[in-house]
Every structure is written in C-alpha cells, then in structure tokens.
Protein backbone atom coordinates (compact mmCIF):
# COMPACT_ATOMS: atom_id res chain seq x y z
CA MET A 1 -111.78 12.33 91.26
CA THR A 2 -110.40 12.32 94.82
CA GLN A 3 -108.37 9.84 96.83
CA GLN A 4 -110.01 8.52 99.99
CA PRO A 5 -108.06 7.83 103.22
CA ASN A 6 -108.12 4.10 102.39
CA GLY A 7 -106.27 4.84 99.15
CA ARG A 8 -109.22 4.15 96.89
CA LEU A 9 -110.30 6.43 94.09
CA SER A 10 -113.69 7.96 94.73
CA ARG A 11 -115.97 9.11 91.95
CA ARG A 12 -117.11 12.58 91.14
CA GLY A 13 -118.28 11.44 87.77
CA PRO A 14 -116.59 8.85 85.54
CA ILE A 15 -112.89 8.04 86.11
CA THR A 16 -110.80 7.54 83.00
CA VAL A 17 -107.65 5.55 82.38
CA ARG A 18 -105.71 8.80 82.14
CA GLN A 19 -106.91 9.97 85.56
CA ALA A 20 -106.12 6.62 87.17
CA THR A 21 -102.69 6.67 85.53
CA MET A 22 -101.83 10.09 86.90
CA GLU A 23 -102.93 9.01 90.36
CA LEU A 24 -100.61 6.00 90.10
CA PHE A 25 -97.66 8.22 89.26
CA ARG A 26 -98.60 10.60 92.08
CA ASP A 27 -98.71 7.71 94.59
CA HIS A 28 -95.16 6.75 93.58
CA GLY A 29 -93.93 10.34 93.82
CA LEU A 30 -93.22 10.44 90.09
CA THR A 31 -94.43 13.95 89.38
CA THR A 32 -91.36 15.27 87.53
CA TRP A 33 -91.55 14.36 83.84
CA PHE A 34 -89.13 14.86 80.97
CA GLY A 35 -90.49 14.79 77.46
CA ASN A 36 -90.90 15.73 73.86
CA PRO A 37 -94.53 14.95 73.05
CA GLY A 38 -96.18 14.44 69.70
CA SER A 39 -99.79 14.07 68.66
CA THR A 40 -100.07 10.51 69.98
CA GLU A 41 -99.10 11.68 73.47
CA LEU A 42 -101.60 14.52 73.78
CA THR A 43 -104.37 12.34 75.23
CA LEU A 44 -102.09 11.29 78.12
CA LEU A 45 -101.05 14.89 78.80
CA ASP A 46 -104.55 16.35 78.61
CA ASP A 47 -105.35 18.44 81.71
CA PHE A 48 -101.82 17.83 83.03
CA PRO A 49 -101.89 17.97 86.86
CA GLU A 50 -100.85 21.24 88.47
CA ASP A 51 -98.67 19.46 91.01
CA PHE A 52 -96.62 17.79 88.25
CA ARG A 53 -93.64 19.30 86.41
CA TYR A 54 -92.88 18.77 82.70
CA PHE A 55 -89.46 19.67 81.27
CA LEU A 56 -89.39 19.88 77.49
CA GLY A 57 -86.45 18.84 75.33
CA LEU A 58 -86.37 19.81 71.67
CA GLN A 59 -85.47 16.32 70.47
CA GLU A 60 -86.25 13.01 72.14
CA MET A 61 -82.75 12.12 73.27
CA ILE A 62 -82.69 15.32 75.39
CA PRO A 63 -85.46 14.34 77.84
CA VAL A 64 -84.06 10.82 78.16
CA GLY A 65 -80.66 12.28 79.04
CA MET A 66 -82.19 14.76 81.50
CA ALA A 67 -84.12 11.96 83.17
CA ASP A 68 -80.93 9.88 83.30
CA GLY A 69 -79.07 12.54 85.28
CA PHE A 70 -82.10 13.26 87.46
CA ALA A 71 -82.71 9.62 88.37
CA GLN A 72 -79.04 8.93 89.08
CA ILE A 73 -78.88 11.75 91.63
CA THR A 74 -82.28 11.12 93.25
CA GLY A 75 -81.87 7.33 93.23
CA ARG A 76 -85.49 6.99 92.13
CA PRO A 77 -87.19 6.29 88.80
CA ALA A 78 -87.89 9.14 86.41
CA ILE A 79 -90.65 9.41 83.82
CA VAL A 80 -89.83 10.07 80.18
CA ASN A 81 -92.53 10.92 77.65
CA VAL A 82 -91.51 10.70 73.97
CA HIS A 83 -93.27 10.50 70.63
CA THR A 84 -94.18 7.23 69.00
CA ALA A 85 -92.14 5.33 66.38
CA ALA A 86 -89.61 7.80 64.90
CA GLY A 87 -89.57 9.75 68.17
CA LEU A 88 -88.63 6.63 70.08
CA GLY A 89 -85.99 6.01 67.43
CA ASN A 90 -84.54 9.47 68.08
CA ALA A 91 -84.30 8.59 71.77
CA MET A 92 -82.47 5.29 71.32
CA GLY A 93 -78.93 6.63 71.68
CA ALA A 94 -79.80 8.13 75.06
CA ILE A 95 -81.64 4.96 76.09
CA PHE A 96 -78.44 3.06 75.25
CA ASN A 97 -76.55 5.22 77.75
CA ALA A 98 -79.27 4.84 80.39
CA ALA A 99 -79.11 1.06 80.03
CA TRP A 100 -75.36 0.96 80.66
CA ASN A 101 -75.74 3.54 83.43
CA LYS A 102 -78.32 1.23 85.06
CA THR A 103 -80.67 4.17 85.38
CA PRO A 104 -84.28 3.42 86.38
CA LEU A 105 -86.30 5.18 83.70
CA VAL A 106 -89.95 4.57 82.82
CA ILE A 107 -90.15 5.57 79.16
CA THR A 108 -93.61 6.02 77.66
CA ALA A 109 -94.61 6.71 74.08
CA GLY A 110 -98.03 6.97 72.56
CA ASN A 111 -99.15 4.71 69.77
CA GLN A 112 -101.75 5.06 67.06
CA ARG A 113 -105.38 4.29 67.98
CA ARG A 114 -106.02 0.57 68.26
CA ALA A 115 -108.68 0.63 65.52
CA MET A 116 -106.13 2.10 63.07
CA GLN A 117 -103.03 0.01 63.88
CA ASN A 118 -103.92 -2.92 61.63
CA GLN A 119 -103.82 -0.61 58.61
CA VAL A 120 -100.39 0.68 59.73
CA THR A 121 -101.64 4.23 59.42
CA LEU A 122 -99.37 7.21 60.03
CA LEU A 123 -97.62 7.09 63.44
CA THR A 124 -98.33 3.41 64.07
CA ASN A 125 -95.46 1.96 66.09
CA VAL A 126 -95.33 -1.51 64.55
CA ASP A 127 -94.11 -4.15 67.02
CA ALA A 128 -93.89 -1.41 69.63
CA THR A 129 -92.60 -3.68 72.40
CA THR A 130 -89.80 -5.01 70.21
CA PHE A 131 -88.61 -1.62 68.98
CA PRO A 132 -86.55 -0.54 72.02
CA ARG A 133 -85.02 -3.96 72.74
CA PRO A 134 -82.40 -4.95 73.77
CA LEU A 135 -81.78 -1.60 75.46
CA VAL A 136 -84.66 -1.86 77.94
CA LYS A 137 -85.13 -4.39 80.73
CA TRP A 138 -88.79 -4.85 79.84
CA SER A 139 -91.30 -3.44 77.39
CA ALA A 140 -95.07 -3.76 77.07
CA GLU A 141 -98.21 -2.42 75.50
CA PRO A 142 -101.38 -3.04 77.55
CA ALA A 143 -103.63 -5.68 76.01
CA ILE A 144 -106.70 -3.62 76.94
CA ALA A 145 -107.10 -0.04 78.05
CA SER A 146 -108.09 -0.85 81.65
CA GLU A 147 -104.70 -2.56 82.14
CA VAL A 148 -102.72 0.64 81.56
CA PRO A 149 -102.22 1.47 85.28
CA ALA A 150 -101.26 -2.13 86.13
CA VAL A 151 -98.72 -2.30 83.30
CA LEU A 152 -97.21 1.03 84.33
CA ALA A 153 -97.03 -0.12 87.96
CA ARG A 154 -95.15 -3.22 86.84
CA ALA A 155 -92.81 -1.05 84.79
CA ILE A 156 -92.03 1.16 87.81
CA HIS A 157 -91.17 -1.86 89.95
CA ILE A 158 -89.01 -3.53 87.27
CA ALA A 159 -87.07 -0.33 86.54
CA GLN A 160 -85.86 0.00 90.13
CA THR A 161 -85.16 -3.68 90.85
CA PRO A 162 -81.41 -4.47 90.64
CA PRO A 163 -79.85 -4.42 88.20
CA MET A 164 -81.81 -1.23 87.59
CA GLY A 165 -82.45 0.09 84.11
CA PRO A 166 -84.88 1.66 81.67
CA VAL A 167 -88.24 0.10 80.76
CA PHE A 168 -90.69 1.02 78.03
CA VAL A 169 -94.51 1.18 77.84
CA SER A 170 -96.41 1.88 74.63
CA LEU A 171 -99.76 3.60 75.23
CA PRO A 172 -102.35 3.62 72.40
CA MET A 173 -103.74 7.11 72.33
CA ASP A 174 -107.41 6.09 72.53
CA ASP A 175 -106.83 4.18 75.80
CA MET A 176 -106.64 7.36 77.86
CA ALA A 177 -110.30 8.39 77.56
CA VAL A 178 -111.71 4.95 78.39
CA GLU A 179 -113.93 5.05 81.48
CA LEU A 180 -113.31 2.49 84.20
CA ASP A 181 -116.04 0.51 85.95
CA ASP A 182 -116.11 -0.27 89.68
CA THR A 183 -114.48 -3.67 89.31
CA GLN A 184 -111.62 -2.24 87.27
CA LEU A 185 -111.15 0.61 89.75
CA ALA A 186 -110.99 -1.87 92.62
CA ASP A 187 -108.26 -3.81 90.81
CA ILE A 188 -106.33 -0.60 90.16
CA ASP A 189 -106.59 0.34 93.84
CA LEU A 190 -104.88 -2.94 94.72
CA VAL A 191 -102.13 -2.38 92.18
CA ARG A 192 -101.52 1.19 93.36
CA ALA A 193 -101.15 0.07 96.96
CA ARG A 194 -98.51 -2.57 96.21
CA ARG A 195 -94.84 -2.11 97.04
CA VAL A 196 -91.90 -4.23 95.93
CA THR A 197 -88.93 -4.33 98.29
CA VAL A 198 -85.58 -5.98 97.59
CA ALA A 199 -84.33 -7.54 100.83
CA THR A 200 -81.12 -9.57 100.65
CA GLU A 201 -78.52 -10.85 103.09
CA PHE A 202 -74.99 -11.82 102.15
CA PRO A 203 -74.12 -15.32 103.41
CA THR A 204 -71.92 -15.28 106.51
CA GLU A 205 -69.74 -18.16 105.35
CA ILE A 206 -68.91 -16.41 102.07
CA ALA A 207 -68.20 -13.12 103.85
CA ARG A 208 -65.84 -14.93 106.22
CA GLU A 209 -64.09 -16.68 103.31
CA ILE A 210 -63.52 -13.40 101.45
CA ALA A 211 -62.36 -11.69 104.65
CA ASP A 212 -59.82 -14.47 105.21
CA ARG A 213 -58.51 -14.07 101.66
CA LEU A 214 -58.18 -10.30 102.17
CA ALA A 215 -56.28 -10.85 105.41
CA ALA A 216 -53.92 -13.35 103.77
CA ALA A 217 -53.20 -11.16 100.75
CA LYS A 218 -49.91 -9.29 100.67
CA ALA A 219 -51.25 -6.40 98.58
CA PRO A 220 -55.01 -6.43 97.95
CA ALA A 221 -56.69 -4.01 95.58
CA LEU A 222 -60.30 -2.90 95.37
CA VAL A 223 -61.86 -2.06 92.02
CA VAL A 224 -65.22 -0.34 92.34
CA GLY A 225 -68.01 0.84 90.08
CA GLY A 226 -71.22 2.80 89.98
CA ASP A 227 -73.29 0.16 91.76
CA VAL A 228 -71.42 1.00 94.97
CA GLU A 229 -73.08 4.42 94.96
CA ARG A 230 -76.39 3.21 93.53
CA ALA A 231 -76.67 0.61 96.30
CA GLY A 232 -75.86 3.09 99.08
CA ALA A 233 -72.64 1.20 99.89
CA LEU A 234 -70.15 4.06 99.56
CA ASP A 235 -69.41 4.52 103.28
CA ALA A 236 -69.08 0.78 103.87
CA VAL A 237 -66.70 0.37 100.93
CA VAL A 238 -64.56 3.30 102.13
CA THR A 239 -64.34 1.67 105.57
CA LEU A 240 -63.46 -1.68 103.96
CA ALA A 241 -60.64 -0.06 101.99
CA GLU A 242 -59.31 1.70 105.09
CA ARG A 243 -59.35 -1.46 107.20
CA THR A 244 -57.55 -3.49 104.57
CA ARG A 245 -55.31 -0.62 103.45
CA ALA A 246 -56.11 -1.58 99.90
CA ALA A 247 -55.39 0.52 96.86
CA VAL A 248 -58.66 1.51 95.16
CA TRP A 249 -59.38 2.04 91.47
CA THR A 250 -62.54 2.75 89.56
CA ALA A 251 -63.33 0.14 86.91
CA PRO A 252 -63.09 1.25 83.27
CA LEU A 253 -66.07 3.15 81.80
CA PRO A 254 -67.93 3.41 85.10
CA GLY A 255 -70.71 6.02 84.83
CA LEU A 256 -70.17 6.75 88.54
CA SER A 257 -66.82 6.63 90.34
CA GLY A 258 -67.87 4.41 93.26
CA PHE A 259 -65.31 5.97 95.65
CA PRO A 260 -64.27 9.46 96.80
CA GLU A 261 -61.73 10.61 94.23
CA ASN A 262 -59.95 12.76 96.84
CA HIS A 263 -59.38 9.86 99.26
CA PRO A 264 -55.68 9.00 99.90
CA LEU A 265 -56.27 5.34 99.01
CA TYR A 266 -57.83 6.16 95.64
CA GLN A 267 -55.56 5.53 92.66
CA GLY A 268 -57.79 6.71 89.81
CA LEU A 269 -59.65 5.33 86.83
CA LEU A 270 -58.43 2.16 85.15
CA SER A 271 -57.86 2.51 81.41
CA PRO A 272 -60.17 0.26 79.37
CA GLY A 273 -57.67 -2.19 77.90
CA ALA A 274 -56.81 -5.66 79.21
CA GLY A 275 -53.07 -5.06 79.07
CA LEU A 276 -53.48 -1.63 80.68
CA VAL A 277 -55.59 -3.01 83.54
CA SER A 278 -53.14 -5.80 84.37
CA GLU A 279 -50.27 -3.32 84.17
CA ALA A 280 -51.99 -0.90 86.58
CA LEU A 281 -52.74 -3.74 89.03
CA ALA A 282 -49.20 -5.14 88.93
CA GLY A 283 -47.93 -6.05 92.38
CA HIS A 284 -51.39 -6.85 93.75
CA ASP A 285 -52.12 -10.49 94.51
CA LEU A 286 -55.88 -10.20 95.22
CA VAL A 287 -58.36 -7.99 93.38
CA LEU A 288 -61.81 -7.52 94.92
CA VAL A 289 -64.27 -6.00 92.44
CA LEU A 290 -67.39 -4.42 93.95
CA GLY A 291 -70.34 -3.14 91.93
CA ALA A 292 -68.63 -3.09 88.55
CA PRO A 293 -68.16 -5.35 85.53
CA VAL A 294 -64.94 -7.37 85.15
CA PHE A 295 -63.94 -5.47 83.01
CA ARG A 296 -65.14 -3.39 80.06
CA TYR A 297 -62.44 -3.07 77.42
CA TYR A 298 -61.86 -0.87 74.38
CA PRO A 299 -59.63 -0.48 72.47
CA TYR A 300 -57.93 -3.84 72.08
CA VAL A 301 -54.77 -3.75 74.17
CA PRO A 302 -53.27 -7.23 74.40
CA GLY A 303 -52.16 -8.60 77.71
CA PRO A 304 -53.31 -10.84 80.55
CA TYR A 305 -56.55 -10.08 82.36
CA LEU A 306 -54.69 -9.98 85.68
CA PRO A 307 -51.06 -9.57 86.71
CA GLU A 308 -49.16 -12.79 87.29
CA GLY A 309 -50.02 -14.46 90.58
CA ALA A 310 -53.19 -12.44 91.18
CA SER A 311 -56.69 -13.81 91.81
CA LEU A 312 -60.01 -11.98 91.57
CA ILE A 313 -63.27 -11.93 93.52
CA HIS A 314 -66.29 -10.30 91.92
CA ILE A 315 -69.39 -9.09 93.83
CA THR A 316 -72.19 -7.76 91.64
CA SER A 317 -75.98 -7.46 91.71
CA ASP A 318 -76.07 -8.09 87.95
CA PRO A 319 -76.24 -11.78 86.93
CA ASP A 320 -75.11 -10.98 83.40
CA GLU A 321 -72.03 -9.18 84.67
CA ALA A 322 -71.17 -12.23 86.74
CA ALA A 323 -71.72 -14.63 83.84
CA ARG A 324 -69.76 -12.76 81.18
CA ALA A 325 -66.65 -11.94 83.21
CA PRO A 326 -63.56 -13.65 81.71
CA VAL A 327 -61.80 -14.22 85.01
CA GLY A 328 -62.43 -14.57 88.75
CA ASP A 329 -65.00 -16.03 91.14
CA ALA A 330 -68.29 -14.12 91.05
CA PHE A 331 -70.95 -13.71 93.73
CA ILE A 332 -74.35 -12.27 92.79
CA ALA A 333 -75.54 -10.18 95.71
CA ASP A 334 -76.68 -6.79 96.86
CA VAL A 335 -73.47 -4.76 97.00
CA ARG A 336 -74.41 -2.88 100.15
CA SER A 337 -75.30 -6.06 102.05
CA ALA A 338 -72.07 -7.69 100.88
CA ALA A 339 -69.92 -4.73 101.96
CA HIS A 340 -71.49 -4.64 105.42
CA ALA A 341 -71.14 -8.42 105.77
CA LEU A 342 -67.45 -8.17 104.94
CA LEU A 343 -66.99 -5.48 107.58
CA ASP A 344 -68.30 -7.92 110.19
CA HIS A 345 -65.30 -10.17 109.53
CA VAL A 346 -62.48 -7.98 108.15
CA VAL A 347 -59.92 -6.99 110.77
CA PRO A 348 -57.73 -3.88 110.51
CA SER A 349 -54.51 -4.55 108.63
CA ASP A 350 -51.04 -3.28 109.49
CA ARG A 351 -49.75 -3.64 105.92
CA PRO A 352 -48.26 -0.45 104.41
CA ALA A 353 -50.79 1.84 102.76
CA PRO A 354 -50.39 2.40 99.00
CA PRO A 355 -48.76 5.63 97.86
CA VAL A 356 -50.96 8.71 97.64
CA ARG A 357 -51.57 10.21 94.21
CA PRO A 358 -49.88 13.55 93.55
CA GLU A 359 -52.16 16.55 93.90
CA PRO A 360 -53.24 18.16 90.61
CA MET A 361 -51.09 21.12 89.70
CA ALA A 362 -53.01 24.23 88.70
CA PRO A 363 -50.64 26.70 87.05
CA ASP A 364 -51.43 30.40 87.08
CA GLY A 365 -50.70 32.86 84.31
CA LEU A 366 -51.72 30.57 81.45
CA THR A 367 -53.18 31.95 78.25
CA THR A 368 -55.31 30.16 75.69
CA PRO A 369 -54.99 27.81 74.03
CA MET A 370 -53.92 25.91 77.14
CA GLU A 371 -53.40 22.23 77.86
CA ALA A 372 -56.61 20.40 78.74
CA SER A 373 -54.96 18.90 81.83
CA ASP A 374 -54.13 22.38 83.09
CA LEU A 375 -57.71 23.52 82.51
CA TYR A 376 -59.11 20.63 84.56
CA ALA A 377 -56.64 21.27 87.36
CA LEU A 378 -57.73 24.93 87.47
CA LEU A 379 -61.38 23.92 87.66
CA ASN A 380 -60.66 21.38 90.40
CA ARG A 381 -58.98 24.05 92.50
CA ALA A 382 -61.72 26.65 92.01
CA ALA A 383 -64.91 24.57 92.33
CA PRO A 384 -66.72 23.98 95.63
CA ALA A 385 -66.14 20.62 97.33
CA ASP A 386 -69.73 19.46 96.78
CA THR A 387 -69.72 20.08 93.02
CA ILE A 388 -71.38 17.50 90.80
CA TRP A 389 -69.23 16.98 87.72
CA VAL A 390 -70.92 15.65 84.58
CA THR A 391 -68.27 14.85 82.01
CA GLU A 392 -68.31 14.14 78.29
CA ALA A 393 -65.02 15.33 76.95
CA GLY A 394 -63.74 12.59 74.64
CA SER A 395 -59.97 12.77 74.72
CA GLY A 396 -60.21 14.60 78.06
CA GLU A 397 -61.96 11.86 80.04
CA LEU A 398 -58.81 10.15 81.34
CA LEU A 399 -57.31 13.58 82.09
CA ILE A 400 -60.43 14.52 84.05
CA GLY A 401 -60.02 11.32 86.05
CA ARG A 402 -56.52 12.43 87.02
CA GLN A 403 -57.18 16.12 87.68
CA ILE A 404 -60.71 16.35 89.10
CA ARG A 405 -60.94 15.10 92.71
CA ALA A 406 -64.66 14.82 93.46
CA GLY A 407 -65.26 13.72 97.03
CA ALA A 408 -68.97 13.83 97.84
CA PRO A 409 -71.34 10.98 96.88
CA PHE A 410 -72.80 11.08 93.38
CA SER A 411 -70.26 13.70 92.32
CA HIS A 412 -68.94 12.44 89.00
CA LEU A 413 -71.32 11.27 86.27
CA SER A 414 -70.30 10.08 82.83
CA ALA A 415 -71.85 7.86 80.16
CA ALA A 416 -70.98 4.25 80.93
CA GLY A 417 -72.22 3.35 77.46
CA GLY A 418 -69.95 5.87 75.78
CA GLY A 419 -72.73 7.23 73.55
CA LEU A 420 -72.31 10.92 72.84
CA GLY A 421 -75.12 13.30 73.74
CA PHE A 422 -75.22 12.38 77.44
CA GLY A 423 -73.43 15.27 79.10
CA LEU A 424 -75.55 18.38 78.58
CA PRO A 425 -78.97 16.78 79.22
CA ALA A 426 -77.70 14.73 82.17
CA ALA A 427 -76.20 17.82 83.76
CA ILE A 428 -79.57 19.59 83.53
CA GLY A 429 -81.28 16.61 85.15
CA ALA A 430 -78.64 16.43 87.87
CA GLN A 431 -79.09 20.12 88.67
CA LEU A 432 -82.86 19.68 88.92
CA ALA A 433 -82.33 16.73 91.27
CA ALA A 434 -79.83 18.61 93.45
CA PRO A 435 -80.80 22.30 93.36
CA ASP A 436 -78.58 23.13 96.36
CA ARG A 437 -75.40 21.70 94.80
CA PRO A 438 -73.41 23.28 91.96
CA VAL A 439 -73.35 21.21 88.77
CA VAL A 440 -70.55 21.66 86.25
CA ALA A 441 -70.72 20.00 82.85
CA LEU A 442 -67.27 19.40 81.37
CA MET A 443 -67.80 19.09 77.64
CA GLY A 444 -65.76 18.69 74.49
CA ASP A 445 -66.59 21.04 71.65
CA GLY A 446 -67.48 18.08 69.43
CA SER A 447 -69.44 15.99 71.91
CA MET A 448 -71.61 18.87 73.10
CA HIS A 449 -73.15 19.25 69.64
CA TYR A 450 -74.78 15.83 69.82
CA ALA A 451 -77.34 17.30 72.22
CA ILE A 452 -76.83 21.01 71.64
CA THR A 453 -80.54 21.83 71.91
CA ALA A 454 -80.33 20.98 75.61
CA LEU A 455 -79.02 24.55 75.95
CA TRP A 456 -82.51 25.80 75.10
CA THR A 457 -84.00 23.71 77.92
CA ALA A 458 -81.40 25.00 80.39
CA ALA A 459 -82.08 28.61 79.41
CA THR A 460 -85.87 28.32 79.19
CA TYR A 461 -86.25 26.73 82.64
CA ARG A 462 -83.46 28.88 84.12
CA ILE A 463 -81.40 25.90 85.25
CA PRO A 464 -78.34 27.27 87.14
CA LEU A 465 -75.92 24.93 85.39
CA THR A 466 -72.31 25.85 84.58
CA ILE A 467 -70.92 24.45 81.33
CA VAL A 468 -67.19 24.47 80.59
CA VAL A 469 -66.24 23.56 77.03
CA CYS A 470 -62.76 22.31 76.22
CA SER A 471 -62.45 23.54 72.62
CA ASN A 472 -59.68 21.97 70.56
CA GLY A 473 -61.43 22.01 67.17
CA GLU A 474 -61.20 18.28 66.60
CA TYR A 475 -62.44 14.84 67.53
CA GLY A 476 -59.25 14.28 69.48
CA VAL A 477 -60.24 10.91 70.91
CA LEU A 478 -60.70 9.52 67.39
CA LYS A 479 -57.23 10.65 66.47
CA GLN A 480 -55.94 8.84 69.55
CA PHE A 481 -57.79 5.71 68.46
CA GLY A 482 -56.40 6.19 64.97
CA ALA A 483 -52.89 6.00 66.37
CA LEU A 484 -53.75 2.79 68.24
CA GLU A 485 -55.37 1.25 65.18
CA HIS A 486 -52.59 2.45 62.84
CA THR A 487 -54.98 4.31 60.56
CA ALA A 488 -54.05 7.45 58.66
CA GLY A 489 -55.78 10.01 56.49
CA VAL A 490 -59.20 9.43 58.06
CA PRO A 491 -61.65 12.21 57.06
CA GLY A 492 -64.10 14.04 59.28
CA LEU A 493 -62.02 14.36 62.43
CA ASP A 494 -61.51 18.13 62.42
CA LEU A 495 -64.14 20.66 63.50
CA PRO A 496 -63.28 24.04 62.04
CA ALA A 497 -65.35 27.18 62.56
CA LEU A 498 -67.40 26.05 65.55
CA ASP A 499 -68.54 29.16 67.40
CA ILE A 500 -69.51 27.81 70.81
CA VAL A 501 -70.20 31.18 72.41
CA ASP A 502 -72.55 32.49 69.71
CA THR A 503 -74.30 29.12 69.45
CA ALA A 504 -74.98 29.07 73.19
CA ALA A 505 -76.11 32.70 73.17
CA SER A 506 -78.60 31.93 70.38
CA TYR A 507 -80.30 29.47 72.73
CA GLY A 508 -80.46 32.07 75.52
CA VAL A 509 -77.45 30.93 77.57
CA GLN A 510 -75.10 33.53 79.00
CA ALA A 511 -71.86 32.54 77.29
CA TYR A 512 -68.25 33.70 77.57
CA GLU A 513 -64.86 32.95 76.08
CA ALA A 514 -62.01 32.63 78.56
CA HIS A 515 -58.61 33.89 77.43
CA ASP A 516 -56.40 32.98 80.40
CA SER A 517 -56.37 30.99 83.63
CA GLU A 518 -57.54 33.96 85.71
CA GLU A 519 -60.64 34.36 83.55
CA VAL A 520 -61.35 30.61 83.76
CA VAL A 521 -61.41 30.74 87.55
CA GLU A 522 -63.39 33.99 87.74
CA LEU A 523 -66.00 32.85 85.23
CA LEU A 524 -66.40 29.48 86.91
CA ARG A 525 -66.96 31.02 90.33
CA SER A 526 -69.39 33.65 89.06
CA GLY A 527 -71.25 31.02 87.02
CA ILE A 528 -71.68 28.81 90.07
CA GLU A 529 -72.82 31.75 92.19
CA GLN A 530 -75.44 32.71 89.60
CA ARG A 531 -78.43 30.58 90.64
CA ASP A 532 -81.12 31.72 88.22
CA ARG A 533 -79.67 30.92 84.78
CA PRO A 534 -77.10 28.72 83.02
CA THR A 535 -73.59 29.89 82.19
CA LEU A 536 -71.26 28.59 79.48
CA ILE A 537 -67.49 29.13 79.45
CA ASN A 538 -65.62 28.26 76.26
CA VAL A 539 -61.89 27.61 76.74
CA PRO A 540 -59.65 27.09 73.69
CA THR A 541 -57.22 24.25 74.34
CA ASN A 542 -54.33 22.70 72.49
CA ARG A 543 -54.92 19.86 70.12
CA VAL A 544 -54.31 16.30 71.24
CA LYS A 545 -50.64 15.39 71.07
CA MET A 546 -50.11 12.43 68.79
CA PRO A 547 -47.43 9.79 69.42
CA ALA A 548 -44.27 10.24 67.40
CA GLY A 549 -44.41 8.62 63.99
CA THR A 550 -48.21 8.69 63.64
CA GLN A 551 -49.98 10.58 60.90
CA ALA A 552 -52.84 12.90 61.77
CA ALA A 553 -56.08 12.88 59.86
CA LYS A 554 -56.38 15.13 56.83
CA PRO A 555 -57.90 18.49 57.83
CA VAL A 556 -61.16 19.65 56.31
CA HIS A 557 -61.03 23.16 54.87
CA VAL A 558 -64.26 25.12 54.87
CA GLY A 559 -65.18 26.22 51.38
CA ALA A 560 -62.56 24.05 49.71
C-alpha cells in the first residue's frame, strides 16, 4: 500500500482496515503510541509501522498517564492502546485525570470478535461504549468493519475540539483483517483528507463592556487556569494583567498554572475552599476568571463565594463550567480570542501594583529529615529556568505552589482531577514531548506507589527524567483532612518500611538517598545533566505538622 500525491491509497494487493487505520493516524501525525496491549489488540498492532513509536506501560493506567503528559506538552492528541474490558477498567483512574485535565486522548481497546460477542465469551467488553462514560467526551464502536477509519477520524476531531478531552473507540479484533473495496477506500480517502478547525471571534461589544468594568474597578484580580495555556493565550493574559496592574492567582486544582509563577503580579495558587478563596481575594472588587472553573472546592470551608462588594466575570470555552458556576456572569468563548479582544480595549492603568510575593528561602546546611518547604525551595534555586515540574505530592502541593517559581509555558503540571497515579507516567510523557527541556517529577512517597511500575518504562526507554521523592512515611494530606473533618484514630495513614531507593533500583532506575541540602542540590543537577537515563532522589522529610489539639491517626506497626 502506498499513498499517491492526491492523498489516495493505491493498491499493491488488498488493503485492510488495519492498513487504512494506520495511514489515517500517520496523516494526522499520530505516530507516538502509549499502550499495554492484550490479545484483543494484537490484530491492530500486527506489522506495526517502522515510523511509529510504541511505549509500553506495565499496567493500563501507566500509558494513559504518559499520554496525558505527552499531549499536554505537545498540545496535540495522543494515542492510547489498552486491553479490552478489565484492561480498560484498570485505566479508568488515569482517564478520570485526563478528563479533568482536558487532555485530548484517543483511547482504543480491542473487543472480542463480533461473531463471539453475543455469547459473552472471554474478553467480551459488554456495552463497550458505555463502559468509560462519563469520563470520556465520546465513545463508539464501529457498526461495521469498514467504518473503523471514519470512526477514528471522528474521535480525533472530537478529542481536540474545546473543551478538549479523552475519547474512546472499541475495535473488535476481527475488523482489522477485513479487506476494503474501491468504494470503501474512496470514502476513507475523503475522511482522511478532512480537517476540523475551530475559528471564533469574541464580540467587540462584550470586550468593550468588560474593559470598561476593569477600568472602573479599584482593585481588579485575575484568576486563571489551564485553558489559558492550552488555548495559547498565555502572552495575551500576561499583557492584560500588566496593563490593568491586576493581582493574579491560579484557580484551585488547576492542572496547569495558566500564568508565569515567577511574575511579580502572580500571587500563587488559591486554596480549594469557598471561605479560603473569598479570604484570599479580599479587597478586590472585580474578579475576572479566564480559562478556569469558578471554582473547584474541597474540603468544605464555609464562607461567601466572593468577598463583600466584589463581582465576577467568567470567560471559559467549556459550556458546563459556565453553567455550573455558583456566582458571576459567564461568557462561553475561545480564551485566546477573548484575551486578545480585551487587549484591543483595555488601557494601561495607573493604579498601584499589588505587592510582590517574597522569594522562596533556600537554607543551606540542612540535614534530613528536613521540612518539605525547605526541600522545594532548594530545588527551585537549583533547577534550570526552563524546567517542567510535574507534581503529585499530596500534603506538599500547596507548599510547591509557594516555593516553586516556574516561568516558562507549560512548566507546571498536576492532576486537576486529584486522582493519584498521575505524576510518574505524566512526567515520562512530558519528557518525551520535550526532550530538550529538563523534567522533574516531585512525588510523595505514598502517591508514587500508585503508578510505581512507570519506573520500569522510564528505565527501559532511557527517559532522562529526574524524580525527587519527598518521603515522610505517611499519607500526610489525609491527616490534614482528618484535622479539618475532626476525625481521629483513622487506620491506614502511615507508611512504614517503604524503601524508595531499592524499589527504584529494582526497576533499573539509578536511585540515591540525599542526606543533606548539599546532596539534594548536587544530585538534582547531576540528574538533570544525565540525558540517557532516569534518576531518582529520595529525600526524608519531617512529618506533617498537625494543628494543636488534633489527634493523629493510629500508627501501623509492621509485624504487630
């Protein structure tokens, strides 16, 4: 099979559904795959093209997480190939994160042969299109084999249409060998040649109205989210903040920061509680939210949604975000178009700029166990400016938001959904997407074990990732929640006898234990400089400090 200059598939013998499918993916530039295949996927992967790449994860959530990080950095869809039924079930936690991250993934899984599905034989994915809902934007199984390329083309377009997100296609394993006739090939040629472009323009009258409200405000604030970066609006939003001299926060649970964290106007990450948000925004009379929900809360912290006297304007490309917000006037629009439209009407303000955040302090001469905040300050000081930080550190996430000052676009990834198991796989995917940038995964010792087999993938494919583990021997964030919820004596919150270094070494990762601040800095720099293998640095840290008067969970004693 060859592709003619007119884009049509020419015959050198019969053309199968599998061949036409691979040509579709090639046309869309989707030649990097992440997967964990089973027997029902073998017919799709038969004679896998030499110009494609396939990165194996040892359990299905790993390739979904890798694809998540890869697609976020490239800004393009990524292909995930998982096993049918139970395999798709294994992947669901990572699909949950991808949905909240608004990551454009095309997830495929095989299904049992059509002639065997009615008997519900082994590996039949019953109600295959229903299985992954509501975590996918769209799911399908082709009605007939010849429709496979058309269904996959539709999936690719839907995944990358705002609001972006994962989609799922079930592929019966006997479809792949079906030979296509000339009429079917002609239809596939038409489908392969199609492009879907989102072209929007923000209404001038609305842009002028919002600009007037910004000009009239005494102390406006911007709250941004990941869609600012996904939409390519980062520079425009920075200019908007500078013209209005607005204080800028990142919305709670963002996935991406949406603003340079080292910018003097940036105030940090809002804590995800209604009372905490209104407290942080106190003194601001107008809040403009760009590319983020209004707002995602947890735990329950009572208080008003906004400080007294404040109003809110919400610009989002997600209709559901606009509909479910509890406060404010919402406009559904492309965030980049909206930001540029506002710049056409916003005039520079002479109002005083908000105070600049204090620089993170990075003490020298520390020994382990050290405070987590000190560890993150050390890493911030030692890492290159273009580092991509992928964080999943539980009780450390808010500390990371204060101490790490990522400045380049797409520099701070976290799981907007909050599902554990994101960090390690996503960091691998991010490093594959940006081979010339250092990627540092900041992990908690508990959270990293949700996707621990990702270490094997990093070592096997020689991914030059640097992993720093904040090891406090506990699920510290759950103890913090326990204090908020007034619970005591909760079991299962301590993690004794985890040996991070030996575990990583068993997967082939070069792993070290840092004993003081000097070793942390030296190991980080040497890990980043090493570009042909992953490096893990385990750093013992102090346990989470509990508020006075709260009771910690009962420890678990090994062998008791």
